[in-house]
Amino acid sequence: MPYIPQDRRNEIQAELKEKGLSFTPQNAGDLNFLVSQLIENAIEQKGLRYANLNEFVGALECCKLELYRVLAAPYEDQKIEENGAVYTAPEATQKAY
């Protein structure tokens, strides 16, 4: 949730201006606020229109899916190998690759 304390918001904005892409959020709330700020900046530039909101939601969804596909799914596969599967149906235990 992006509703972090105002002083932390100010710190993030200042650090982002100073560090650019090397800025690292301290937690999920900071990351959410940062992403929300980027979207707000884009809305200010492009305008508050359905097409723009749809574009931003699509970009966020694709970002989420790519994060899961590239990092989370392989991590989960590793943990299945280490600890065993939760689901026992043959379809669930077959590797997708």
PDB file of N, CA and C in Angstrom:
ATOM      1  N   MET A   1       0.855  -1.164   0.000  1.00  0.00           N
ATOM      2  CA  MET A   1       0.000   0.000   0.000  1.00  0.00           C
ATOM      3  C   MET A   1       0.901   1.227   0.000  1.00  0.00           C
ATOM      4  N   PRO A   2       0.594   2.227  -0.848  1.00  0.00           N
ATOM      5  CA  PRO A   2       1.485   3.384  -0.961  1.00  0.00           C
ATOM      6  C   PRO A   2       1.295   4.430   0.123  1.00  0.00           C
ATOM      7  N   TYR A   3       0.427   4.173   1.094  1.00  0.00           N
ATOM      8  CA  TYR A   3       0.108   5.195   2.096  1.00  0.00           C
ATOM      9  C   TYR A   3       1.088   5.136   3.265  1.00  0.00           C
ATOM     10  N   ILE A   4       2.339   5.443   2.942  1.00  0.00           N
ATOM     11  CA  ILE A   4       3.396   5.463   3.949  1.00  0.00           C
ATOM     12  C   ILE A   4       3.471   6.860   4.555  1.00  0.00           C
ATOM     13  N   PRO A   5       4.122   7.022   5.713  1.00  0.00           N
ATOM     14  CA  PRO A   5       4.188   8.329   6.364  1.00  0.00           C
ATOM     15  C   PRO A   5       4.769   9.412   5.444  1.00  0.00           C
ATOM     16  N   GLN A   6       4.287  10.618   5.627  1.00  0.00           N
ATOM     17  CA  GLN A   6       4.694  11.739   4.770  1.00  0.00           C
ATOM     18  C   GLN A   6       6.206  11.958   4.801  1.00  0.00           C
ATOM     19  N   ASP A   7       6.835  11.823   5.969  1.00  0.00           N
ATOM     20  CA  ASP A   7       8.279  12.043   6.028  1.00  0.00           C
ATOM     21  C   ASP A   7       9.025  10.993   5.203  1.00  0.00           C
ATOM     22  N   ARG A   8       8.525   9.751   5.192  1.00  0.00           N
ATOM     23  CA  ARG A   8       9.162   8.712   4.374  1.00  0.00           C
ATOM     24  C   ARG A   8       8.953   9.005   2.888  1.00  0.00           C
ATOM     25  N   ARG A   9       7.773   9.509   2.534  1.00  0.00           N
ATOM     26  CA  ARG A   9       7.518   9.888   1.143  1.00  0.00           C
ATOM     27  C   ARG A   9       8.542  10.932   0.689  1.00  0.00           C
ATOM     28  N   ASN A  10       8.759  11.923   1.538  1.00  0.00           N
ATOM     29  CA  ASN A  10       9.722  12.977   1.198  1.00  0.00           C
ATOM     30  C   ASN A  10      11.135  12.411   1.052  1.00  0.00           C
ATOM     31  N   GLU A  11      11.493  11.476   1.922  1.00  0.00           N
ATOM     32  CA  GLU A  11      12.817  10.840   1.840  1.00  0.00           C
ATOM     33  C   GLU A  11      12.967  10.077   0.529  1.00  0.00           C
ATOM     34  N   ILE A  12      11.941   9.327   0.156  1.00  0.00           N
ATOM     35  CA  ILE A  12      11.984   8.541  -1.082  1.00  0.00           C
ATOM     36  C   ILE A  12      12.130   9.466  -2.280  1.00  0.00           C
ATOM     37  N   GLN A  13      11.331  10.514  -2.310  1.00  0.00           N
ATOM     38  CA  GLN A  13      11.396  11.447  -3.436  1.00  0.00           C
ATOM     39  C   GLN A  13      12.774  12.092  -3.537  1.00  0.00           C
ATOM     40  N   ALA A  14      13.351  12.470  -2.406  1.00  0.00           N
ATOM     41  CA  ALA A  14      14.678  13.083  -2.406  1.00  0.00           C
ATOM     42  C   ALA A  14      15.745  12.075  -2.839  1.00  0.00           C
ATOM     43  N   GLU A  15      15.669  10.850  -2.310  1.00  0.00           N
ATOM     44  CA  GLU A  15      16.647   9.824  -2.681  1.00  0.00           C
ATOM     45  C   GLU A  15      16.538   9.458  -4.150  1.00  0.00           C
ATOM     46  N   LEU A  16      15.331   9.395  -4.655  1.00  0.00           N
ATOM     47  CA  LEU A  16      15.141   9.058  -6.049  1.00  0.00           C
ATOM     48  C   LEU A  16      15.749  10.126  -6.951  1.00  0.00           C
ATOM     49  N   LYS A  17      15.561  11.390  -6.597  1.00  0.00           N
ATOM     50  CA  LYS A  17      16.161  12.474  -7.373  1.00  0.00           C
ATOM     51  C   LYS A  17      17.682  12.399  -7.316  1.00  0.00           C
ATOM     52  N   GLU A  18      18.207  12.030  -6.147  1.00  0.00           N
ATOM     53  CA  GLU A  18      19.660  11.970  -5.964  1.00  0.00           C
ATOM     54  C   GLU A  18      20.263  10.723  -6.609  1.00  0.00           C
ATOM     55  N   LYS A  19      19.638   9.581  -6.412  1.00  0.00           N
ATOM     56  CA  LYS A  19      20.229   8.314  -6.823  1.00  0.00           C
ATOM     57  C   LYS A  19      19.705   7.762  -8.141  1.00  0.00           C
ATOM     58  N   GLY A  20      18.570   8.234  -8.592  1.00  0.00           N
ATOM     59  CA  GLY A  20      18.000   7.702  -9.827  1.00  0.00           C
ATOM     60  C   GLY A  20      17.693   6.228  -9.688  1.00  0.00           C
ATOM     61  N   LEU A  21      18.072   5.453 -10.681  1.00  0.00           N
ATOM     62  CA  LEU A  21      17.743   4.030 -10.687  1.00  0.00           C
ATOM     63  C   LEU A  21      18.516   3.214  -9.663  1.00  0.00           C
ATOM     64  N   SER A  22      19.506   3.793  -9.015  1.00  0.00           N
ATOM     65  CA  SER A  22      20.227   3.047  -7.984  1.00  0.00           C
ATOM     66  C   SER A  22      19.517   3.114  -6.633  1.00  0.00           C
ATOM     67  N   PHE A  23      18.410   3.875  -6.545  1.00  0.00           N
ATOM     68  CA  PHE A  23      17.614   3.930  -5.309  1.00  0.00           C
ATOM     69  C   PHE A  23      17.013   2.562  -5.031  1.00  0.00           C
ATOM     70  N   THR A  24      17.085   2.126  -3.774  1.00  0.00           N
ATOM     71  CA  THR A  24      16.508   0.846  -3.368  1.00  0.00           C
ATOM     72  C   THR A  24      15.462   1.081  -2.295  1.00  0.00           C
ATOM     73  N   PRO A  25      14.196   0.737  -2.572  1.00  0.00           N
ATOM     74  CA  PRO A  25      13.161   0.863  -1.539  1.00  0.00           C
ATOM     75  C   PRO A  25      13.494  -0.011  -0.343  1.00  0.00           C
ATOM     76  N   GLN A  26      13.128   0.446   0.857  1.00  0.00           N
ATOM     77  CA  GLN A  26      13.414  -0.312   2.073  1.00  0.00           C
ATOM     78  C   GLN A  26      12.421  -1.442   2.305  1.00  0.00           C
ATOM     79  N   ASN A  27      11.217  -1.322   1.747  1.00  0.00           N
ATOM     80  CA  ASN A  27      10.187  -2.332   1.983  1.00  0.00           C
ATOM     81  C   ASN A  27       9.124  -2.231   0.890  1.00  0.00           C
ATOM     82  N   ALA A  28       8.121  -3.094   0.963  1.00  0.00           N
ATOM     83  CA  ALA A  28       7.071  -3.125  -0.060  1.00  0.00           C
ATOM     84  C   ALA A  28       6.263  -1.834  -0.090  1.00  0.00           C
ATOM     85  N   GLY A  29       6.049  -1.212   1.052  1.00  0.00           N
ATOM     86  CA  GLY A  29       5.324   0.052   1.078  1.00  0.00           C
ATOM     87  C   GLY A  29       6.072   1.141   0.321  1.00  0.00           C
ATOM     88  N   ASP A  30       7.385   1.191   0.510  1.00  0.00           N
ATOM     89  CA  ASP A  30       8.204   2.153  -0.219  1.00  0.00           C
ATOM     90  C   ASP A  30       8.134   1.893  -1.723  1.00  0.00           C
ATOM     91  N   LEU A  31       8.226   0.628  -2.109  1.00  0.00           N
ATOM     92  CA  LEU A  31       8.168   0.274  -3.529  1.00  0.00           C
ATOM     93  C   LEU A  31       6.815   0.655  -4.121  1.00  0.00           C
ATOM     94  N   ASN A  32       5.748   0.367  -3.402  1.00  0.00           N
ATOM     95  CA  ASN A  32       4.403   0.709  -3.865  1.00  0.00           C
ATOM     96  C   ASN A  32       4.274   2.213  -4.043  1.00  0.00           C
ATOM     97  N   PHE A  33       4.769   2.972  -3.072  1.00  0.00           N
ATOM     98  CA  PHE A  33       4.713   4.427  -3.170  1.00  0.00           C
ATOM     99  C   PHE A  33       5.496   4.911  -4.379  1.00  0.00           C
ATOM    100  N   LEU A  34       6.672   4.340  -4.601  1.00  0.00           N
ATOM    101  CA  LEU A  34       7.520   4.743  -5.712  1.00  0.00           C
ATOM    102  C   LEU A  34       6.823   4.488  -7.046  1.00  0.00           C
ATOM    103  N   VAL A  35       6.270   3.314  -7.211  1.00  0.00           N
ATOM    104  CA  VAL A  35       5.555   2.984  -8.446  1.00  0.00           C
ATOM    105  C   VAL A  35       4.359   3.917  -8.615  1.00  0.00           C
ATOM    106  N   SER A  36       3.640   4.170  -7.528  1.00  0.00           N
ATOM    107  CA  SER A  36       2.495   5.079  -7.583  1.00  0.00           C
ATOM    108  C   SER A  36       2.924   6.478  -8.009  1.00  0.00           C
ATOM    109  N   GLN A  37       4.078   6.932  -7.530  1.00  0.00           N
ATOM    110  CA  GLN A  37       4.582   8.241  -7.922  1.00  0.00           C
ATOM    111  C   GLN A  37       4.924   8.284  -9.409  1.00  0.00           C
ATOM    112  N   LEU A  38       5.528   7.223  -9.920  1.00  0.00           N
ATOM    113  CA  LEU A  38       5.853   7.164 -11.346  1.00  0.00           C
ATOM    114  C   LEU A  38       4.584   7.222 -12.192  1.00  0.00           C
ATOM    115  N   ILE A  39       3.550   6.510 -11.749  1.00  0.00           N
ATOM    116  CA  ILE A  39       2.281   6.535 -12.475  1.00  0.00           C
ATOM    117  C   ILE A  39       1.656   7.926 -12.399  1.00  0.00           C
ATOM    118  N   GLU A  40       1.709   8.528 -11.221  1.00  0.00           N
ATOM    119  CA  GLU A  40       1.155   9.874 -11.090  1.00  0.00           C
ATOM    120  C   GLU A  40       1.881  10.848 -12.014  1.00  0.00           C
ATOM    121  N   ASN A  41       3.197  10.735 -12.106  1.00  0.00           N
ATOM    122  CA  ASN A  41       3.959  11.587 -13.012  1.00  0.00           C
ATOM    123  C   ASN A  41       3.510  11.384 -14.460  1.00  0.00           C
ATOM    124  N   ALA A  42       3.296  10.133 -14.836  1.00  0.00           N
ATOM    125  CA  ALA A  42       2.854   9.840 -16.198  1.00  0.00           C
ATOM    126  C   ALA A  42       1.458  10.400 -16.455  1.00  0.00           C
ATOM    127  N   ILE A  43       0.579  10.301 -15.474  1.00  0.00           N
ATOM    128  CA  ILE A  43      -0.773  10.851 -15.622  1.00  0.00           C
ATOM    129  C   ILE A  43      -0.709  12.367 -15.781  1.00  0.00           C
ATOM    130  N   GLU A  44       0.165  13.009 -15.017  1.00  0.00           N
ATOM    131  CA  GLU A  44       0.311  14.462 -15.140  1.00  0.00           C
ATOM    132  C   GLU A  44       0.764  14.848 -16.541  1.00  0.00           C
ATOM    133  N   GLN A  45       1.623  14.029 -17.141  1.00  0.00           N
ATOM    134  CA  GLN A  45       2.129  14.322 -18.485  1.00  0.00           C
ATOM    135  C   GLN A  45       1.130  13.947 -19.579  1.00  0.00           C
ATOM    136  N   LYS A  46       0.488  12.794 -19.425  1.00  0.00           N
ATOM    137  CA  LYS A  46      -0.384  12.273 -20.488  1.00  0.00           C
ATOM    138  C   LYS A  46      -1.859  12.591 -20.291  1.00  0.00           C
ATOM    139  N   GLY A  47      -2.248  12.912 -19.073  1.00  0.00           N
ATOM    140  CA  GLY A  47      -3.642  13.220 -18.787  1.00  0.00           C
ATOM    141  C   GLY A  47      -4.377  12.037 -18.177  1.00  0.00           C
ATOM    142  N   LEU A  48      -5.410  12.346 -17.416  1.00  0.00           N
ATOM    143  CA  LEU A  48      -6.230  11.326 -16.768  1.00  0.00           C
ATOM    144  C   LEU A  48      -7.323  10.910 -17.743  1.00  0.00           C
ATOM    145  N   ARG A  49      -7.043   9.848 -18.463  1.00  0.00           N
ATOM    146  CA  ARG A  49      -7.973   9.302 -19.459  1.00  0.00           C
ATOM    147  C   ARG A  49      -8.010   7.796 -19.305  1.00  0.00           C
ATOM    148  N   TYR A  50      -9.122   7.199 -19.700  1.00  0.00           N
ATOM    149  CA  TYR A  50      -9.252   5.748 -19.593  1.00  0.00           C
ATOM    150  C   TYR A  50      -8.141   5.042 -20.352  1.00  0.00           C
ATOM    151  N   ALA A  51      -7.847   5.505 -21.559  1.00  0.00           N
ATOM    152  CA  ALA A  51      -6.819   4.842 -22.366  1.00  0.00           C
ATOM    153  C   ALA A  51      -5.477   4.827 -21.635  1.00  0.00           C
ATOM    154  N   ASN A  52      -5.139   5.925 -20.985  1.00  0.00           N
ATOM    155  CA  ASN A  52      -3.875   5.985 -20.256  1.00  0.00           C
ATOM    156  C   ASN A  52      -3.900   5.089 -19.024  1.00  0.00           C
ATOM    157  N   LEU A  53      -5.002   5.124 -18.283  1.00  0.00           N
ATOM    158  CA  LEU A  53      -5.119   4.250 -17.111  1.00  0.00           C
ATOM    159  C   LEU A  53      -5.030   2.788 -17.527  1.00  0.00           C
ATOM    160  N   ASN A  54      -5.697   2.442 -18.624  1.00  0.00           N
ATOM    161  CA  ASN A  54      -5.656   1.073 -19.130  1.00  0.00           C
ATOM    162  C   ASN A  54      -4.229   0.681 -19.516  1.00  0.00           C
ATOM    163  N   GLU A  55      -3.519   1.605 -20.123  1.00  0.00           N
ATOM    164  CA  GLU A  55      -2.124   1.368 -20.501  1.00  0.00           C
ATOM    165  C   GLU A  55      -1.252   1.124 -19.269  1.00  0.00           C
ATOM    166  N   PHE A  56      -1.435   1.936 -18.242  1.00  0.00           N
ATOM    167  CA  PHE A  56      -0.628   1.793 -17.026  1.00  0.00           C
ATOM    168  C   PHE A  56      -0.948   0.485 -16.300  1.00  0.00           C
ATOM    169  N   VAL A  57      -2.232   0.163 -16.199  1.00  0.00           N
ATOM    170  CA  VAL A  57      -2.619  -1.101 -15.548  1.00  0.00           C
ATOM    171  C   VAL A  57      -2.023  -2.278 -16.325  1.00  0.00           C
ATOM    172  N   GLY A  58      -2.069  -2.208 -17.647  1.00  0.00           N
ATOM    173  CA  GLY A  58      -1.478  -3.264 -18.470  1.00  0.00           C
ATOM    174  C   GLY A  58       0.018  -3.395 -18.252  1.00  0.00           C
ATOM    175  N   ALA A  59       0.692  -2.269 -18.169  1.00  0.00           N
ATOM    176  CA  ALA A  59       2.141  -2.303 -17.934  1.00  0.00           C
ATOM    177  C   ALA A  59       2.455  -2.913 -16.579  1.00  0.00           C
ATOM    178  N   LEU A  60       1.680  -2.538 -15.557  1.00  0.00           N
ATOM    179  CA  LEU A  60       1.886  -3.105 -14.224  1.00  0.00           C
ATOM    180  C   LEU A  60       1.631  -4.611 -14.224  1.00  0.00           C
ATOM    181  N   GLU A  61       0.581  -5.030 -14.912  1.00  0.00           N
ATOM    182  CA  GLU A  61       0.260  -6.453 -14.976  1.00  0.00           C
ATOM    183  C   GLU A  61       1.366  -7.230 -15.676  1.00  0.00           C
ATOM    184  N   CYS A  62       1.875  -6.694 -16.773  1.00  0.00           N
ATOM    185  CA  CYS A  62       2.958  -7.367 -17.488  1.00  0.00           C
ATOM    186  C   CYS A  62       4.232  -7.415 -16.643  1.00  0.00           C
ATOM    187  N   CYS A  63       4.489  -6.364 -15.907  1.00  0.00           N
ATOM    188  CA  CYS A  63       5.647  -6.329 -15.013  1.00  0.00           C
ATOM    189  C   CYS A  63       5.509  -7.415 -13.953  1.00  0.00           C
ATOM    190  N   LYS A  64       4.309  -7.518 -13.381  1.00  0.00           N
ATOM    191  CA  LYS A  64       4.046  -8.531 -12.362  1.00  0.00           C
ATOM    192  C   LYS A  64       4.234  -9.941 -12.934  1.00  0.00           C
ATOM    193  N   LEU A  65       3.652 -10.165 -14.111  1.00  0.00           N
ATOM    194  CA  LEU A  65       3.755 -11.487 -14.727  1.00  0.00           C
ATOM    195  C   LEU A  65       5.196 -11.854 -15.063  1.00  0.00           C
ATOM    196  N   GLU A  66       5.962 -10.891 -15.552  1.00  0.00           N
ATOM    197  CA  GLU A  66       7.358 -11.165 -15.894  1.00  0.00           C
ATOM    198  C   GLU A  66       8.191 -11.447 -14.644  1.00  0.00           C
ATOM    199  N   LEU A  67       7.934 -10.714 -13.581  1.00  0.00           N
ATOM    200  CA  LEU A  67       8.609 -10.975 -12.313  1.00  0.00           C
ATOM    201  C   LEU A  67       8.327 -12.405 -11.853  1.00  0.00           C
ATOM    202  N   TYR A  68       7.074 -12.810 -11.943  1.00  0.00           N
ATOM    203  CA  TYR A  68       6.724 -14.155 -11.524  1.00  0.00           C
ATOM    204  C   TYR A  68       7.359 -15.195 -12.438  1.00  0.00           C
ATOM    205  N   ARG A  69       7.280 -14.974 -13.764  1.00  0.00           N
ATOM    206  CA  ARG A  69       7.786 -15.949 -14.732  1.00  0.00           C
ATOM    207  C   ARG A  69       9.292 -16.137 -14.606  1.00  0.00           C
ATOM    208  N   VAL A  70      10.024 -15.032 -14.456  1.00  0.00           N
ATOM    209  CA  VAL A  70      11.480 -15.092 -14.490  1.00  0.00           C
ATOM    210  C   VAL A  70      12.094 -15.421 -13.123  1.00  0.00           C
ATOM    211  N   LEU A  71      11.509 -14.901 -12.046  1.00  0.00           N
ATOM    212  CA  LEU A  71      12.115 -15.082 -10.724  1.00  0.00           C
ATOM    213  C   LEU A  71      11.325 -15.994  -9.794  1.00  0.00           C
ATOM    214  N   ALA A  72      10.035 -15.749  -9.655  1.00  0.00           N
ATOM    215  CA  ALA A  72       9.261 -16.487  -8.661  1.00  0.00           C
ATOM    216  C   ALA A  72       9.040 -17.938  -9.044  1.00  0.00           C
ATOM    217  N   ALA A  73       8.648 -18.207 -10.275  1.00  0.00           N
ATOM    218  CA  ALA A  73       8.368 -19.591 -10.679  1.00  0.00           C
ATOM    219  C   ALA A  73       9.617 -20.483 -10.566  1.00  0.00           C
ATOM    220  N   PRO A  74      10.775 -20.054 -11.076  1.00  0.00           N
ATOM    221  CA  PRO A  74      11.967 -20.891 -10.889  1.00  0.00           C
ATOM    222  C   PRO A  74      12.319 -21.098  -9.411  1.00  0.00           C
ATOM    223  N   TYR A  75      12.125 -20.069  -8.610  1.00  0.00           N
ATOM    224  CA  TYR A  75      12.375 -20.197  -7.178  1.00  0.00           C
ATOM    225  C   TYR A  75      11.442 -21.243  -6.568  1.00  0.00           C
ATOM    226  N   GLU A  76      10.157 -21.171  -6.937  1.00  0.00           N
ATOM    227  CA  GLU A  76       9.188 -22.150  -6.439  1.00  0.00           C
ATOM    228  C   GLU A  76       9.565 -23.557  -6.903  1.00  0.00           C
ATOM    229  N   ASP A  77      10.003 -23.707  -8.154  1.00  0.00           N
ATOM    230  CA  ASP A  77      10.434 -25.015  -8.652  1.00  0.00           C
ATOM    231  C   ASP A  77      11.596 -25.563  -7.826  1.00  0.00           C
ATOM    232  N   GLN A  78      12.528 -24.688  -7.493  1.00  0.00           N
ATOM    233  CA  GLN A  78      13.669 -25.094  -6.663  1.00  0.00           C
ATOM    234  C   GLN A  78      13.180 -25.588  -5.302  1.00  0.00           C
ATOM    235  N   LYS A  79      12.250 -24.872  -4.708  1.00  0.00           N
ATOM    236  CA  LYS A  79      11.739 -25.259  -3.395  1.00  0.00           C
ATOM    237  C   LYS A  79      10.936 -26.559  -3.470  1.00  0.00           C
ATOM    238  N   ILE A  80      10.245 -26.795  -4.577  1.00  0.00           N
ATOM    239  CA  ILE A  80       9.544 -28.079  -4.754  1.00  0.00           C
ATOM    240  C   ILE A  80      10.555 -29.214  -4.779  1.00  0.00           C
ATOM    241  N   GLU A  81      11.655 -29.000  -5.511  1.00  0.00           N
ATOM    242  CA  GLU A  81      12.699 -30.019  -5.584  1.00  0.00           C
ATOM    243  C   GLU A  81      13.291 -30.283  -4.195  1.00  0.00           C
ATOM    244  N   GLU A  82      13.496 -29.229  -3.424  1.00  0.00           N
ATOM    245  CA  GLU A  82      14.103 -29.358  -2.101  1.00  0.00           C
ATOM    246  C   GLU A  82      13.148 -29.956  -1.064  1.00  0.00           C
ATOM    247  N   ASN A  83      11.885 -29.545  -1.107  1.00  0.00           N
ATOM    248  CA  ASN A  83      10.958 -29.870  -0.022  1.00  0.00           C
ATOM    249  C   ASN A  83       9.773 -30.742  -0.400  1.00  0.00           C
ATOM    250  N   GLY A  84       9.617 -31.012  -1.683  1.00  0.00           N
ATOM    251  CA  GLY A  84       8.485 -31.813  -2.129  1.00  0.00           C
ATOM    252  C   GLY A  84       7.289 -30.955  -2.518  1.00  0.00           C
ATOM    253  N   ALA A  85       6.484 -31.513  -3.402  1.00  0.00           N
ATOM    254  CA  ALA A  85       5.317 -30.798  -3.923  1.00  0.00           C
ATOM    255  C   ALA A  85       4.188 -30.785  -2.896  1.00  0.00           C
ATOM    256  N   VAL A  86       3.349 -29.774  -2.984  1.00  0.00           N
ATOM    257  CA  VAL A  86       2.153 -29.682  -2.151  1.00  0.00           C
ATOM    258  C   VAL A  86       1.019 -30.436  -2.826  1.00  0.00           C
ATOM    259  N   TYR A  87       0.863 -30.208  -4.126  1.00  0.00           N
ATOM    260  CA  TYR A  87      -0.192 -30.869  -4.894  1.00  0.00           C
ATOM    261  C   TYR A  87       0.333 -32.196  -5.412  1.00  0.00           C
ATOM    262  N   THR A  88      -0.490 -33.220  -5.322  1.00  0.00           N
ATOM    263  CA  THR A  88      -0.035 -34.570  -5.674  1.00  0.00           C
ATOM    264  C   THR A  88      -0.613 -35.086  -6.981  1.00  0.00           C
ATOM    265  N   ALA A  89      -1.540 -34.370  -7.590  1.00  0.00           N
ATOM    266  CA  ALA A  89      -2.098 -34.801  -8.880  1.00  0.00           C
ATOM    267  C   ALA A  89      -0.958 -34.858  -9.901  1.00  0.00           C
ATOM    268  N   PRO A  90      -0.966 -35.878 -10.766  1.00  0.00           N
ATOM    269  CA  PRO A  90       0.126 -36.015 -11.742  1.00  0.00           C
ATOM    270  C   PRO A  90       0.348 -34.755 -12.583  1.00  0.00           C
ATOM    271  N   GLU A  91      -0.736 -34.071 -12.954  1.00  0.00           N
ATOM    272  CA  GLU A  91      -0.605 -32.857 -13.771  1.00  0.00           C
ATOM    273  C   GLU A  91       0.155 -31.767 -13.010  1.00  0.00           C
ATOM    274  N   ALA A  92      -0.027 -31.712 -11.707  1.00  0.00           N
ATOM    275  CA  ALA A  92       0.589 -30.652 -10.913  1.00  0.00           C
ATOM    276  C   ALA A  92       2.062 -30.908 -10.659  1.00  0.00           C
ATOM    277  N   THR A  93       2.491 -32.143 -10.734  1.00  0.00           N
ATOM    278  CA  THR A  93       3.881 -32.460 -10.407  1.00  0.00           C
ATOM    279  C   THR A  93       4.762 -32.574 -11.648  1.00  0.00           C
ATOM    280  N   GLN A  94       4.178 -32.442 -12.843  1.00  0.00           N
ATOM    281  CA  GLN A  94       4.981 -32.478 -14.066  1.00  0.00           C
ATOM    282  C   GLN A  94       5.583 -31.115 -14.333  1.00  0.00           C
ATOM    283  N   LYS A  95       6.827 -31.105 -14.731  1.00  0.00           N
ATOM    284  CA  LYS A  95       7.471 -29.843 -15.055  1.00  0.00           C
ATOM    285  C   LYS A  95       6.921 -29.315 -16.368  1.00  0.00           C
ATOM    286  N   ALA A  96       6.779 -28.013 -16.429  1.00  0.00           N
ATOM    287  CA  ALA A  96       6.222 -27.363 -17.611  1.00  0.00           C
ATOM    288  C   ALA A  96       7.265 -27.155 -18.698  1.00  0.00           C
ATOM    289  N   TYR A  97       8.499 -27.540 -18.456  1.00  0.00           N
ATOM    290  CA  TYR A  97       9.559 -27.311 -19.436  1.00  0.00           C
ATOM    291  C   TYR A  97      10.229 -28.598 -19.816  1.00  0.00           C
TER     292      TYR A  97
END
